[in-house]
mmCIF file of all heavy atoms, coordinates in Angstrom:
data_MODEL
# 
_entry.id   MODEL 
# 
loop_
_atom_site.group_PDB 
_atom_site.id 
_atom_site.type_symbol 
_atom_site.label_atom_id 
_atom_site.label_alt_id 
_atom_site.label_comp_id 
_atom_site.label_asym_id 
_atom_site.label_entity_id 
_atom_site.label_seq_id 
_atom_site.pdbx_PDB_ins_code 
_atom_site.Cartn_x 
_atom_site.Cartn_y 
_atom_site.Cartn_z 
_atom_site.occupancy 
_atom_site.B_iso_or_equiv 
_atom_site.pdbx_formal_charge 
_atom_site.auth_seq_id 
_atom_site.auth_comp_id 
_atom_site.auth_asym_id 
_atom_site.auth_atom_id 
_atom_site.pdbx_PDB_model_num 
ATOM 1   N N   . ALA A 1 1  ? -3.317  2.989   14.326 1.00 0.00 ? 1  ALA A N   1 
ATOM 2   C CA  . ALA A 1 1  ? -4.513  2.524   14.893 1.00 0.00 ? 1  ALA A CA  1 
ATOM 3   C C   . ALA A 1 1  ? -5.238  1.635   13.873 1.00 0.00 ? 1  ALA A C   1 
ATOM 4   O O   . ALA A 1 1  ? -5.833  0.587   14.248 1.00 0.00 ? 1  ALA A O   1 
ATOM 5   C CB  . ALA A 1 1  ? -5.436  3.691   15.220 1.00 0.00 ? 1  ALA A CB  1 
ATOM 6   N N   . LEU A 1 2  ? -5.110  1.914   12.584 1.00 0.00 ? 2  LEU A N   1 
ATOM 7   C CA  . LEU A 1 2  ? -5.676  1.099   11.574 1.00 0.00 ? 2  LEU A CA  1 
ATOM 8   C C   . LEU A 1 2  ? -5.038  -0.298  11.504 1.00 0.00 ? 2  LEU A C   1 
ATOM 9   O O   . LEU A 1 2  ? -5.701  -1.293  11.379 1.00 0.00 ? 2  LEU A O   1 
ATOM 10  C CB  . LEU A 1 2  ? -5.530  1.761   10.204 1.00 0.00 ? 2  LEU A CB  1 
ATOM 11  C CG  . LEU A 1 2  ? -6.458  2.983   9.928  1.00 0.00 ? 2  LEU A CG  1 
ATOM 12  C CD1 . LEU A 1 2  ? -6.019  3.669   8.647  1.00 0.00 ? 2  LEU A CD1 1 
ATOM 13  C CD2 . LEU A 1 2  ? -7.948  2.549   9.909  1.00 0.00 ? 2  LEU A CD2 1 
ATOM 14  N N   . ALA A 1 3  ? -3.691  -0.280  11.688 1.00 0.00 ? 3  ALA A N   1 
ATOM 15  C CA  . ALA A 1 3  ? -2.970  -1.564  11.623 1.00 0.00 ? 3  ALA A CA  1 
ATOM 16  C C   . ALA A 1 3  ? -3.403  -2.449  12.884 1.00 0.00 ? 3  ALA A C   1 
ATOM 17  O O   . ALA A 1 3  ? -3.598  -3.645  12.799 1.00 0.00 ? 3  ALA A O   1 
ATOM 18  C CB  . ALA A 1 3  ? -1.489  -1.356  11.615 1.00 0.00 ? 3  ALA A CB  1 
ATOM 19  N N   . THR A 1 4  ? -3.504  -1.746  14.020 1.00 0.00 ? 4  THR A N   1 
ATOM 20  C CA  . THR A 1 4  ? -3.904  -2.471  15.235 1.00 0.00 ? 4  THR A CA  1 
ATOM 21  C C   . THR A 1 4  ? -5.303  -3.030  15.134 1.00 0.00 ? 4  THR A C   1 
ATOM 22  O O   . THR A 1 4  ? -5.569  -4.163  15.456 1.00 0.00 ? 4  THR A O   1 
ATOM 23  C CB  . THR A 1 4  ? -3.813  -1.560  16.466 1.00 0.00 ? 4  THR A CB  1 
ATOM 24  O OG1 . THR A 1 4  ? -2.464  -1.051  16.631 1.00 0.00 ? 4  THR A OG1 1 
ATOM 25  C CG2 . THR A 1 4  ? -4.156  -2.289  17.791 1.00 0.00 ? 4  THR A CG2 1 
ATOM 26  N N   . LEU A 1 5  ? -6.225  -2.220  14.598 1.00 0.00 ? 5  LEU A N   1 
ATOM 27  C CA  . LEU A 1 5  ? -7.580  -2.613  14.407 1.00 0.00 ? 5  LEU A CA  1 
ATOM 28  C C   . LEU A 1 5  ? -7.650  -3.769  13.399 1.00 0.00 ? 5  LEU A C   1 
ATOM 29  O O   . LEU A 1 5  ? -8.465  -4.747  13.577 1.00 0.00 ? 5  LEU A O   1 
ATOM 30  C CB  . LEU A 1 5  ? -8.447  -1.484  14.004 1.00 0.00 ? 5  LEU A CB  1 
ATOM 31  C CG  . LEU A 1 5  ? -9.915  -1.785  13.769 1.00 0.00 ? 5  LEU A CG  1 
ATOM 32  C CD1 . LEU A 1 5  ? -10.609 -2.247  15.013 1.00 0.00 ? 5  LEU A CD1 1 
ATOM 33  C CD2 . LEU A 1 5  ? -10.646 -0.497  13.261 1.00 0.00 ? 5  LEU A CD2 1 
ATOM 34  N N   . ALA A 1 6  ? -6.864  -3.700  12.346 1.00 0.00 ? 6  ALA A N   1 
ATOM 35  C CA  . ALA A 1 6  ? -6.842  -4.757  11.338 1.00 0.00 ? 6  ALA A CA  1 
ATOM 36  C C   . ALA A 1 6  ? -6.402  -6.096  11.924 1.00 0.00 ? 6  ALA A C   1 
ATOM 37  O O   . ALA A 1 6  ? -7.013  -7.125  11.642 1.00 0.00 ? 6  ALA A O   1 
ATOM 38  C CB  . ALA A 1 6  ? -5.931  -4.378  10.179 1.00 0.00 ? 6  ALA A CB  1 
ATOM 39  N N   . ILE A 1 7  ? -5.381  -6.025  12.744 1.00 0.00 ? 7  ILE A N   1 
ATOM 40  C CA  . ILE A 1 7  ? -4.870  -7.265  13.377 1.00 0.00 ? 7  ILE A CA  1 
ATOM 41  C C   . ILE A 1 7  ? -5.951  -7.907  14.251 1.00 0.00 ? 7  ILE A C   1 
ATOM 42  O O   . ILE A 1 7  ? -6.283  -9.113  14.188 1.00 0.00 ? 7  ILE A O   1 
ATOM 43  C CB  . ILE A 1 7  ? -3.595  -6.935  14.143 1.00 0.00 ? 7  ILE A CB  1 
ATOM 44  C CG1 . ILE A 1 7  ? -2.385  -6.635  13.284 1.00 0.00 ? 7  ILE A CG1 1 
ATOM 45  C CG2 . ILE A 1 7  ? -3.241  -8.212  15.051 1.00 0.00 ? 7  ILE A CG2 1 
ATOM 46  C CD1 . ILE A 1 7  ? -1.172  -6.214  14.005 1.00 0.00 ? 7  ILE A CD1 1 
ATOM 47  N N   . PHE A 1 8  ? -6.501  -7.106  15.169 1.00 0.00 ? 8  PHE A N   1 
ATOM 48  C CA  . PHE A 1 8  ? -7.486  -7.654  16.099 1.00 0.00 ? 8  PHE A CA  1 
ATOM 49  C C   . PHE A 1 8  ? -8.738  -8.157  15.367 1.00 0.00 ? 8  PHE A C   1 
ATOM 50  O O   . PHE A 1 8  ? -9.254  -9.218  15.704 1.00 0.00 ? 8  PHE A O   1 
ATOM 51  C CB  . PHE A 1 8  ? -7.923  -6.506  17.060 1.00 0.00 ? 8  PHE A CB  1 
ATOM 52  C CG  . PHE A 1 8  ? -6.947  -6.183  18.084 1.00 0.00 ? 8  PHE A CG  1 
ATOM 53  C CD1 . PHE A 1 8  ? -6.845  -4.930  18.669 1.00 0.00 ? 8  PHE A CD1 1 
ATOM 54  C CD2 . PHE A 1 8  ? -5.963  -7.059  18.506 1.00 0.00 ? 8  PHE A CD2 1 
ATOM 55  C CE1 . PHE A 1 8  ? -5.887  -4.584  19.668 1.00 0.00 ? 8  PHE A CE1 1 
ATOM 56  C CE2 . PHE A 1 8  ? -5.047  -6.801  19.417 1.00 0.00 ? 8  PHE A CE2 1 
ATOM 57  C CZ  . PHE A 1 8  ? -4.993  -5.554  19.983 1.00 0.00 ? 8  PHE A CZ  1 
ATOM 58  N N   . ASN A 1 9  ? -9.165  -7.449  14.341 1.00 0.00 ? 9  ASN A N   1 
ATOM 59  C CA  . ASN A 1 9  ? -10.360 -7.807  13.630 1.00 0.00 ? 9  ASN A CA  1 
ATOM 60  C C   . ASN A 1 9  ? -10.149 -9.103  12.804 1.00 0.00 ? 9  ASN A C   1 
ATOM 61  O O   . ASN A 1 9  ? -11.022 -9.992  12.769 1.00 0.00 ? 9  ASN A O   1 
ATOM 62  C CB  . ASN A 1 9  ? -10.887 -6.726  12.748 1.00 0.00 ? 9  ASN A CB  1 
ATOM 63  C CG  . ASN A 1 9  ? -12.258 -6.986  12.207 1.00 0.00 ? 9  ASN A CG  1 
ATOM 64  O OD1 . ASN A 1 9  ? -13.330 -6.817  12.832 1.00 0.00 ? 9  ASN A OD1 1 
ATOM 65  N ND2 . ASN A 1 9  ? -12.362 -7.418  10.931 1.00 0.00 ? 9  ASN A ND2 1 
ATOM 66  N N   . PHE A 1 10 ? -9.012  -9.160  12.140 1.00 0.00 ? 10 PHE A N   1 
ATOM 67  C CA  . PHE A 1 10 ? -8.729  -10.317 11.289 1.00 0.00 ? 10 PHE A CA  1 
ATOM 68  C C   . PHE A 1 10 ? -8.573  -11.563 12.175 1.00 0.00 ? 10 PHE A C   1 
ATOM 69  O O   . PHE A 1 10 ? -9.194  -12.606 11.828 1.00 0.00 ? 10 PHE A O   1 
ATOM 70  C CB  . PHE A 1 10 ? -7.432  -10.118 10.516 1.00 0.00 ? 10 PHE A CB  1 
ATOM 71  C CG  . PHE A 1 10 ? -7.146  -11.186 9.540  1.00 0.00 ? 10 PHE A CG  1 
ATOM 72  C CD1 . PHE A 1 10 ? -7.589  -11.072 8.171  1.00 0.00 ? 10 PHE A CD1 1 
ATOM 73  C CD2 . PHE A 1 10 ? -6.420  -12.308 9.914  1.00 0.00 ? 10 PHE A CD2 1 
ATOM 74  C CE1 . PHE A 1 10 ? -7.341  -12.109 7.271  1.00 0.00 ? 10 PHE A CE1 1 
ATOM 75  C CE2 . PHE A 1 10 ? -6.157  -13.350 8.950  1.00 0.00 ? 10 PHE A CE2 1 
ATOM 76  C CZ  . PHE A 1 10 ? -6.620  -13.214 7.679  1.00 0.00 ? 10 PHE A CZ  1 
ATOM 77  N N   . ILE A 1 11 ? -7.898  -11.427 13.237 1.00 0.00 ? 11 ILE A N   1 
ATOM 78  C CA  . ILE A 1 11 ? -7.734  -12.586 14.160 1.00 0.00 ? 11 ILE A CA  1 
ATOM 79  C C   . ILE A 1 11 ? -9.060  -12.992 14.724 1.00 0.00 ? 11 ILE A C   1 
ATOM 80  O O   . ILE A 1 11 ? -9.414  -14.212 14.823 1.00 0.00 ? 11 ILE A O   1 
ATOM 81  C CB  . ILE A 1 11 ? -6.721  -12.238 15.282 1.00 0.00 ? 11 ILE A CB  1 
ATOM 82  C CG1 . ILE A 1 11 ? -5.260  -12.120 14.617 1.00 0.00 ? 11 ILE A CG1 1 
ATOM 83  C CG2 . ILE A 1 11 ? -6.703  -13.354 16.332 1.00 0.00 ? 11 ILE A CG2 1 
ATOM 84  C CD1 . ILE A 1 11 ? -4.247  -11.721 15.684 1.00 0.00 ? 11 ILE A CD1 1 
ATOM 85  N N   . GLY A 1 12 ? -9.870  -12.015 15.132 1.00 0.00 ? 12 GLY A N   1 
ATOM 86  C CA  . GLY A 1 12 ? -11.147 -12.294 15.739 1.00 0.00 ? 12 GLY A CA  1 
ATOM 87  C C   . GLY A 1 12 ? -12.088 -13.036 14.794 1.00 0.00 ? 12 GLY A C   1 
ATOM 88  O O   . GLY A 1 12 ? -12.772 -13.992 15.147 1.00 0.00 ? 12 GLY A O   1 
ATOM 89  N N   . ASN A 1 13 ? -12.114 -12.545 13.562 1.00 0.00 ? 13 ASN A N   1 
ATOM 90  C CA  . ASN A 1 13 ? -13.059 -13.178 12.576 1.00 0.00 ? 13 ASN A CA  1 
ATOM 91  C C   . ASN A 1 13 ? -12.498 -14.507 12.039 1.00 0.00 ? 13 ASN A C   1 
ATOM 92  O O   . ASN A 1 13 ? -13.278 -15.368 11.714 1.00 0.00 ? 13 ASN A O   1 
ATOM 93  C CB  . ASN A 1 13 ? -13.285 -12.207 11.360 1.00 0.00 ? 13 ASN A CB  1 
ATOM 94  C CG  . ASN A 1 13 ? -14.267 -11.111 11.700 1.00 0.00 ? 13 ASN A CG  1 
ATOM 95  O OD1 . ASN A 1 13 ? -15.504 -11.366 11.716 1.00 0.00 ? 13 ASN A OD1 1 
ATOM 96  N ND2 . ASN A 1 13 ? -13.784 -9.981  12.022 1.00 0.00 ? 13 ASN A ND2 1 
ATOM 97  N N   . TRP A 1 14 ? -11.152 -14.631 12.009 1.00 0.00 ? 14 TRP A N   1 
ATOM 98  C CA  . TRP A 1 14 ? -10.529 -15.902 11.612 1.00 0.00 ? 14 TRP A CA  1 
ATOM 99  C C   . TRP A 1 14 ? -10.882 -16.991 12.614 1.00 0.00 ? 14 TRP A C   1 
ATOM 100 O O   . TRP A 1 14 ? -11.094 -18.140 12.261 1.00 0.00 ? 14 TRP A O   1 
ATOM 101 C CB  . TRP A 1 14 ? -9.091  -15.744 11.411 1.00 0.00 ? 14 TRP A CB  1 
ATOM 102 C CG  . TRP A 1 14 ? -8.362  -16.907 10.862 1.00 0.00 ? 14 TRP A CG  1 
ATOM 103 C CD1 . TRP A 1 14 ? -7.821  -17.973 11.585 1.00 0.00 ? 14 TRP A CD1 1 
ATOM 104 C CD2 . TRP A 1 14 ? -8.125  -17.239 9.508  1.00 0.00 ? 14 TRP A CD2 1 
ATOM 105 N NE1 . TRP A 1 14 ? -7.249  -18.938 10.734 1.00 0.00 ? 14 TRP A NE1 1 
ATOM 106 C CE2 . TRP A 1 14 ? -7.465  -18.534 9.475  1.00 0.00 ? 14 TRP A CE2 1 
ATOM 107 C CE3 . TRP A 1 14 ? -8.499  -16.582 8.310  1.00 0.00 ? 14 TRP A CE3 1 
ATOM 108 C CZ2 . TRP A 1 14 ? -7.085  -19.124 8.272  1.00 0.00 ? 14 TRP A CZ2 1 
ATOM 109 C CZ3 . TRP A 1 14 ? -8.052  -17.254 7.088  1.00 0.00 ? 14 TRP A CZ3 1 
ATOM 110 C CH2 . TRP A 1 14 ? -7.404  -18.452 7.092  1.00 0.00 ? 14 TRP A CH2 1 
ATOM 111 N N   . ASN A 1 15 ? -10.793 -16.605 13.889 1.00 0.00 ? 15 ASN A N   1 
ATOM 112 C CA  . ASN A 1 15 ? -11.006 -17.608 14.946 1.00 0.00 ? 15 ASN A CA  1 
ATOM 113 C C   . ASN A 1 15 ? -12.418 -17.731 15.390 1.00 0.00 ? 15 ASN A C   1 
ATOM 114 O O   . ASN A 1 15 ? -12.749 -18.587 16.251 1.00 0.00 ? 15 ASN A O   1 
ATOM 115 C CB  . ASN A 1 15 ? -10.132 -17.219 16.167 1.00 0.00 ? 15 ASN A CB  1 
ATOM 116 C CG  . ASN A 1 15 ? -8.676  -17.449 15.920 1.00 0.00 ? 15 ASN A CG  1 
ATOM 117 O OD1 . ASN A 1 15 ? -8.276  -18.310 15.184 1.00 0.00 ? 15 ASN A OD1 1 
ATOM 118 N ND2 . ASN A 1 15 ? -7.852  -16.626 16.567 1.00 0.00 ? 15 ASN A ND2 1 
ATOM 119 N N   . ALA A 1 16 ? -13.354 -16.932 14.825 1.00 0.00 ? 16 ALA A N   1 
ATOM 120 C CA  . ALA A 1 16 ? -14.756 -17.006 15.284 1.00 0.00 ? 16 ALA A CA  1 
ATOM 121 C C   . ALA A 1 16 ? -15.354 -18.327 15.055 1.00 0.00 ? 16 ALA A C   1 
ATOM 122 O O   . ALA A 1 16 ? -15.186 -18.986 14.054 1.00 0.00 ? 16 ALA A O   1 
ATOM 123 C CB  . ALA A 1 16 ? -15.570 -15.940 14.484 1.00 0.00 ? 16 ALA A CB  1 
ATOM 124 N N   . PHE A 1 17 ? -16.062 -18.821 16.078 1.00 0.00 ? 17 PHE A N   1 
ATOM 125 C CA  . PHE A 1 17 ? -16.674 -20.124 15.999 1.00 0.00 ? 17 PHE A CA  1 
ATOM 126 C C   . PHE A 1 17 ? -18.156 -20.202 16.188 1.00 0.00 ? 17 PHE A C   1 
ATOM 127 O O   . PHE A 1 17 ? -18.872 -20.830 15.435 1.00 0.00 ? 17 PHE A O   1 
ATOM 128 C CB  . PHE A 1 17 ? -15.986 -21.057 17.120 1.00 0.00 ? 17 PHE A CB  1 
ATOM 129 C CG  . PHE A 1 17 ? -16.471 -22.447 17.114 1.00 0.00 ? 17 PHE A CG  1 
ATOM 130 C CD1 . PHE A 1 17 ? -15.995 -23.373 16.196 1.00 0.00 ? 17 PHE A CD1 1 
ATOM 131 C CD2 . PHE A 1 17 ? -17.447 -22.845 18.034 1.00 0.00 ? 17 PHE A CD2 1 
ATOM 132 C CE1 . PHE A 1 17 ? -16.500 -24.659 16.221 1.00 0.00 ? 17 PHE A CE1 1 
ATOM 133 C CE2 . PHE A 1 17 ? -17.926 -24.123 18.026 1.00 0.00 ? 17 PHE A CE2 1 
ATOM 134 C CZ  . PHE A 1 17 ? -17.360 -25.098 17.109 1.00 0.00 ? 17 PHE A CZ  1 
ATOM 135 N N   . LEU A 1 18 ? -18.627 -19.472 17.238 1.00 0.00 ? 18 LEU A N   1 
ATOM 136 C CA  . LEU A 1 18 ? -20.128 -19.630 17.614 1.00 0.00 ? 18 LEU A CA  1 
ATOM 137 C C   . LEU A 1 18 ? -21.005 -19.235 16.521 1.00 0.00 ? 18 LEU A C   1 
ATOM 138 O O   . LEU A 1 18 ? -21.858 -19.958 16.078 1.00 0.00 ? 18 LEU A O   1 
ATOM 139 C CB  . LEU A 1 18 ? -20.326 -18.766 18.854 1.00 0.00 ? 18 LEU A CB  1 
ATOM 140 C CG  . LEU A 1 18 ? -21.812 -18.873 19.392 1.00 0.00 ? 18 LEU A CG  1 
ATOM 141 C CD1 . LEU A 1 18 ? -22.195 -20.322 19.713 1.00 0.00 ? 18 LEU A CD1 1 
ATOM 142 C CD2 . LEU A 1 18 ? -21.989 -17.984 20.585 1.00 0.00 ? 18 LEU A CD2 1 
ATOM 143 N N   . TRP A 1 19 ? -20.845 -17.908 15.971 1.00 0.00 ? 19 TRP A N   1 
ATOM 144 C CA  . TRP A 1 19 ? -21.737 -17.490 14.959 1.00 0.00 ? 19 TRP A CA  1 
ATOM 145 C C   . TRP A 1 19 ? -21.642 -18.189 13.651 1.00 0.00 ? 19 TRP A C   1 
ATOM 146 O O   . TRP A 1 19 ? -22.622 -18.616 13.010 1.00 0.00 ? 19 TRP A O   1 
ATOM 147 C CB  . TRP A 1 19 ? -21.635 -15.995 14.780 1.00 0.00 ? 19 TRP A CB  1 
ATOM 148 C CG  . TRP A 1 19 ? -22.483 -15.508 13.660 1.00 0.00 ? 19 TRP A CG  1 
ATOM 149 C CD1 . TRP A 1 19 ? -22.085 -14.947 12.458 1.00 0.00 ? 19 TRP A CD1 1 
ATOM 150 C CD2 . TRP A 1 19 ? -23.950 -15.513 13.567 1.00 0.00 ? 19 TRP A CD2 1 
ATOM 151 N NE1 . TRP A 1 19 ? -23.130 -14.613 11.659 1.00 0.00 ? 19 TRP A NE1 1 
ATOM 152 C CE2 . TRP A 1 19 ? -24.301 -15.021 12.313 1.00 0.00 ? 19 TRP A CE2 1 
ATOM 153 C CE3 . TRP A 1 19 ? -24.944 -16.017 14.447 1.00 0.00 ? 19 TRP A CE3 1 
ATOM 154 C CZ2 . TRP A 1 19 ? -25.622 -14.893 11.888 1.00 0.00 ? 19 TRP A CZ2 1 
ATOM 155 C CZ3 . TRP A 1 19 ? -26.211 -15.869 14.011 1.00 0.00 ? 19 TRP A CZ3 1 
ATOM 156 C CH2 . TRP A 1 19 ? -26.639 -15.326 12.771 1.00 0.00 ? 19 TRP A CH2 1 
ATOM 157 N N   . PRO A 1 20 ? -20.443 -18.454 13.160 1.00 0.00 ? 20 PRO A N   1 
ATOM 158 C CA  . PRO A 1 20 ? -20.339 -19.305 11.905 1.00 0.00 ? 20 PRO A CA  1 
ATOM 159 C C   . PRO A 1 20 ? -20.903 -20.671 12.028 1.00 0.00 ? 20 PRO A C   1 
ATOM 160 O O   . PRO A 1 20 ? -21.461 -21.150 11.109 1.00 0.00 ? 20 PRO A O   1 
ATOM 161 C CB  . PRO A 1 20 ? -18.848 -19.341 11.628 1.00 0.00 ? 20 PRO A CB  1 
ATOM 162 C CG  . PRO A 1 20 ? -18.276 -18.075 12.243 1.00 0.00 ? 20 PRO A CG  1 
ATOM 163 C CD  . PRO A 1 20 ? -19.130 -17.898 13.492 1.00 0.00 ? 20 PRO A CD  1 
ATOM 164 N N   . LEU A 1 21 ? -20.807 -21.283 13.239 1.00 0.00 ? 21 LEU A N   1 
ATOM 165 C CA  . LEU A 1 21 ? -21.434 -22.561 13.479 1.00 0.00 ? 21 LEU A CA  1 
ATOM 166 C C   . LEU A 1 21 ? -22.942 -22.472 13.340 1.00 0.00 ? 21 LEU A C   1 
ATOM 167 O O   . LEU A 1 21 ? -23.570 -23.409 12.796 1.00 0.00 ? 21 LEU A O   1 
ATOM 168 C CB  . LEU A 1 21 ? -21.080 -23.070 14.882 1.00 0.00 ? 21 LEU A CB  1 
ATOM 169 C CG  . LEU A 1 21 ? -21.663 -24.331 15.344 1.00 0.00 ? 21 LEU A CG  1 
ATOM 170 C CD1 . LEU A 1 21 ? -21.135 -25.542 14.442 1.00 0.00 ? 21 LEU A CD1 1 
ATOM 171 C CD2 . LEU A 1 21 ? -21.398 -24.643 16.811 1.00 0.00 ? 21 LEU A CD2 1 
ATOM 172 N N   . ILE A 1 22 ? -23.540 -21.356 13.770 1.00 0.00 ? 22 ILE A N   1 
ATOM 173 C CA  . ILE A 1 22 ? -24.975 -21.224 13.730 1.00 0.00 ? 22 ILE A CA  1 
ATOM 174 C C   . ILE A 1 22 ? -25.495 -20.839 12.345 1.00 0.00 ? 22 ILE A C   1 
ATOM 175 O O   . ILE A 1 22 ? -26.460 -21.285 11.836 1.00 0.00 ? 22 ILE A O   1 
ATOM 176 C CB  . ILE A 1 22 ? -25.450 -20.205 14.753 1.00 0.00 ? 22 ILE A CB  1 
ATOM 177 C CG1 . ILE A 1 22 ? -25.163 -20.718 16.208 1.00 0.00 ? 22 ILE A CG1 1 
ATOM 178 C CG2 . ILE A 1 22 ? -26.939 -19.885 14.624 1.00 0.00 ? 22 ILE A CG2 1 
ATOM 179 C CD1 . ILE A 1 22 ? -25.384 -19.673 17.266 1.00 0.00 ? 22 ILE A CD1 1 
ATOM 180 N N   . ALA A 1 23 ? -24.690 -19.915 11.737 1.00 0.00 ? 23 ALA A N   1 
ATOM 181 C CA  . ALA A 1 23 ? -25.133 -19.307 10.427 1.00 0.00 ? 23 ALA A CA  1 
ATOM 182 C C   . ALA A 1 23 ? -24.924 -20.273 9.238  1.00 0.00 ? 23 ALA A C   1 
ATOM 183 O O   . ALA A 1 23 ? -25.542 -20.141 8.174  1.00 0.00 ? 23 ALA A O   1 
ATOM 184 C CB  . ALA A 1 23 ? -24.377 -18.009 10.144 1.00 0.00 ? 23 ALA A CB  1 
ATOM 185 N N   . ALA A 1 24 ? -24.056 -21.241 9.375  1.00 0.00 ? 24 ALA A N   1 
ATOM 186 C CA  . ALA A 1 24 ? -23.725 -22.152 8.271  1.00 0.00 ? 24 ALA A CA  1 
ATOM 187 C C   . ALA A 1 24 ? -23.986 -23.593 8.755  1.00 0.00 ? 24 ALA A C   1 
ATOM 188 O O   . ALA A 1 24 ? -23.319 -24.098 9.657  1.00 0.00 ? 24 ALA A O   1 
ATOM 189 C CB  . ALA A 1 24 ? -22.332 -22.004 7.804  1.00 0.00 ? 24 ALA A CB  1 
ATOM 190 N N   . SER A 1 25 ? -24.947 -24.245 8.137  1.00 0.00 ? 25 SER A N   1 
ATOM 191 C CA  . SER A 1 25 ? -25.218 -25.652 8.484  1.00 0.00 ? 25 SER A CA  1 
ATOM 192 C C   . SER A 1 25 ? -24.707 -26.585 7.376  1.00 0.00 ? 25 SER A C   1 
ATOM 193 O O   . SER A 1 25 ? -24.652 -27.800 7.589  1.00 0.00 ? 25 SER A O   1 
ATOM 194 C CB  . SER A 1 25 ? -26.746 -25.850 8.620  1.00 0.00 ? 25 SER A CB  1 
ATOM 195 O OG  . SER A 1 25 ? -27.452 -25.489 7.400  1.00 0.00 ? 25 SER A OG  1 
ATOM 196 N N   . LYS A 1 26 ? -24.374 -26.081 6.210  1.00 0.00 ? 26 LYS A N   1 
ATOM 197 C CA  . LYS A 1 26 ? -23.832 -26.936 5.116  1.00 0.00 ? 26 LYS A CA  1 
ATOM 198 C C   . LYS A 1 26 ? -22.334 -26.998 5.165  1.00 0.00 ? 26 LYS A C   1 
ATOM 199 O O   . LYS A 1 26 ? -21.703 -25.949 5.369  1.00 0.00 ? 26 LYS A O   1 
ATOM 200 C CB  . LYS A 1 26 ? -24.362 -26.372 3.802  1.00 0.00 ? 26 LYS A CB  1 
ATOM 201 C CG  . LYS A 1 26 ? -25.835 -26.462 3.599  1.00 0.00 ? 26 LYS A CG  1 
ATOM 202 C CD  . LYS A 1 26 ? -26.202 -25.935 2.189  1.00 0.00 ? 26 LYS A CD  1 
ATOM 203 C CE  . LYS A 1 26 ? -27.729 -25.963 2.028  1.00 0.00 ? 26 LYS A CE  1 
ATOM 204 N NZ  . LYS A 1 26 ? -28.177 -25.417 0.686  1.00 0.00 ? 26 LYS A NZ  1 
ATOM 205 N N   . PRO A 1 27 ? -21.717 -28.155 5.090  1.00 0.00 ? 27 PRO A N   1 
ATOM 206 C CA  . PRO A 1 27 ? -20.269 -28.244 5.156  1.00 0.00 ? 27 PRO A CA  1 
ATOM 207 C C   . PRO A 1 27 ? -19.482 -27.372 4.247  1.00 0.00 ? 27 PRO A C   1 
ATOM 208 O O   . PRO A 1 27 ? -18.408 -26.860 4.542  1.00 0.00 ? 27 PRO A O   1 
ATOM 209 C CB  . PRO A 1 27 ? -20.005 -29.769 4.926  1.00 0.00 ? 27 PRO A CB  1 
ATOM 210 C CG  . PRO A 1 27 ? -21.225 -30.479 5.295  1.00 0.00 ? 27 PRO A CG  1 
ATOM 211 C CD  . PRO A 1 27 ? -22.373 -29.470 4.967  1.00 0.00 ? 27 PRO A CD  1 
ATOM 212 N N   . ARG A 1 28 ? -20.052 -27.069 3.026  1.00 0.00 ? 28 ARG A N   1 
ATOM 213 C CA  . ARG A 1 28 ? -19.296 -26.302 2.067  1.00 0.00 ? 28 ARG A CA  1 
ATOM 214 C C   . ARG A 1 28 ? -19.212 -24.826 2.516  1.00 0.00 ? 28 ARG A C   1 
ATOM 215 O O   . ARG A 1 28 ? -18.336 -24.091 2.005  1.00 0.00 ? 28 ARG A O   1 
ATOM 216 C CB  . ARG A 1 28 ? -20.040 -26.317 0.684  1.00 0.00 ? 28 ARG A CB  1 
ATOM 217 C CG  . ARG A 1 28 ? -21.414 -25.770 0.691  1.00 0.00 ? 28 ARG A CG  1 
ATOM 218 C CD  . ARG A 1 28 ? -22.030 -25.789 -0.669 1.00 0.00 ? 28 ARG A CD  1 
ATOM 219 N NE  . ARG A 1 28 ? -23.399 -25.261 -0.686 1.00 0.00 ? 28 ARG A NE  1 
ATOM 220 C CZ  . ARG A 1 28 ? -23.691 -23.964 -0.710 1.00 0.00 ? 28 ARG A CZ  1 
ATOM 221 N NH1 . ARG A 1 28 ? -22.686 -23.058 -0.834 1.00 0.00 ? 28 ARG A NH1 1 
ATOM 222 N NH2 . ARG A 1 28 ? -24.947 -23.543 -0.729 1.00 0.00 ? 28 ARG A NH2 1 
ATOM 223 N N   . MET A 1 29 ? -20.044 -24.443 3.479  1.00 0.00 ? 29 MET A N   1 
ATOM 224 C CA  . MET A 1 29 ? -19.986 -23.002 3.970  1.00 0.00 ? 29 MET A CA  1 
ATOM 225 C C   . MET A 1 29 ? -19.305 -22.873 5.287  1.00 0.00 ? 29 MET A C   1 
ATOM 226 O O   . MET A 1 29 ? -19.224 -21.801 5.850  1.00 0.00 ? 29 MET A O   1 
ATOM 227 C CB  . MET A 1 29 ? -21.390 -22.432 4.004  1.00 0.00 ? 29 MET A CB  1 
ATOM 228 C CG  . MET A 1 29 ? -22.125 -22.193 2.741  1.00 0.00 ? 29 MET A CG  1 
ATOM 229 S SD  . MET A 1 29 ? -21.156 -21.092 1.613  1.00 0.00 ? 29 MET A SD  1 
ATOM 230 C CE  . MET A 1 29 ? -20.952 -19.652 2.627  1.00 0.00 ? 29 MET A CE  1 
ATOM 231 N N   . PHE A 1 30 ? -18.734 -23.986 5.824  1.00 0.00 ? 30 PHE A N   1 
ATOM 232 C CA  . PHE A 1 30 ? -18.039 -23.897 7.122  1.00 0.00 ? 30 PHE A CA  1 
ATOM 233 C C   . PHE A 1 30 ? -16.813 -23.002 6.992  1.00 0.00 ? 30 PHE A C   1 
ATOM 234 O O   . PHE A 1 30 ? -16.103 -23.067 5.934  1.00 0.00 ? 30 PHE A O   1 
ATOM 235 C CB  . PHE A 1 30 ? -17.598 -25.286 7.559  1.00 0.00 ? 30 PHE A CB  1 
ATOM 236 C CG  . PHE A 1 30 ? -18.707 -26.197 8.117  1.00 0.00 ? 30 PHE A CG  1 
ATOM 237 C CD1 . PHE A 1 30 ? -18.457 -27.479 8.396  1.00 0.00 ? 30 PHE A CD1 1 
ATOM 238 C CD2 . PHE A 1 30 ? -19.962 -25.651 8.273  1.00 0.00 ? 30 PHE A CD2 1 
ATOM 239 C CE1 . PHE A 1 30 ? -19.486 -28.333 8.823  1.00 0.00 ? 30 PHE A CE1 1 
ATOM 240 C CE2 . PHE A 1 30 ? -20.957 -26.468 8.770  1.00 0.00 ? 30 PHE A CE2 1 
ATOM 241 C CZ  . PHE A 1 30 ? -20.712 -27.797 9.045  1.00 0.00 ? 30 PHE A CZ  1 
# 
């Protein structure tokens, strides 16, 4: 279960777009 959760969470946060777009306005933090 830990391995499955790690895969889903890593992929989800790696591909996250909407919130990082809002939370970071400076190019160095993209």
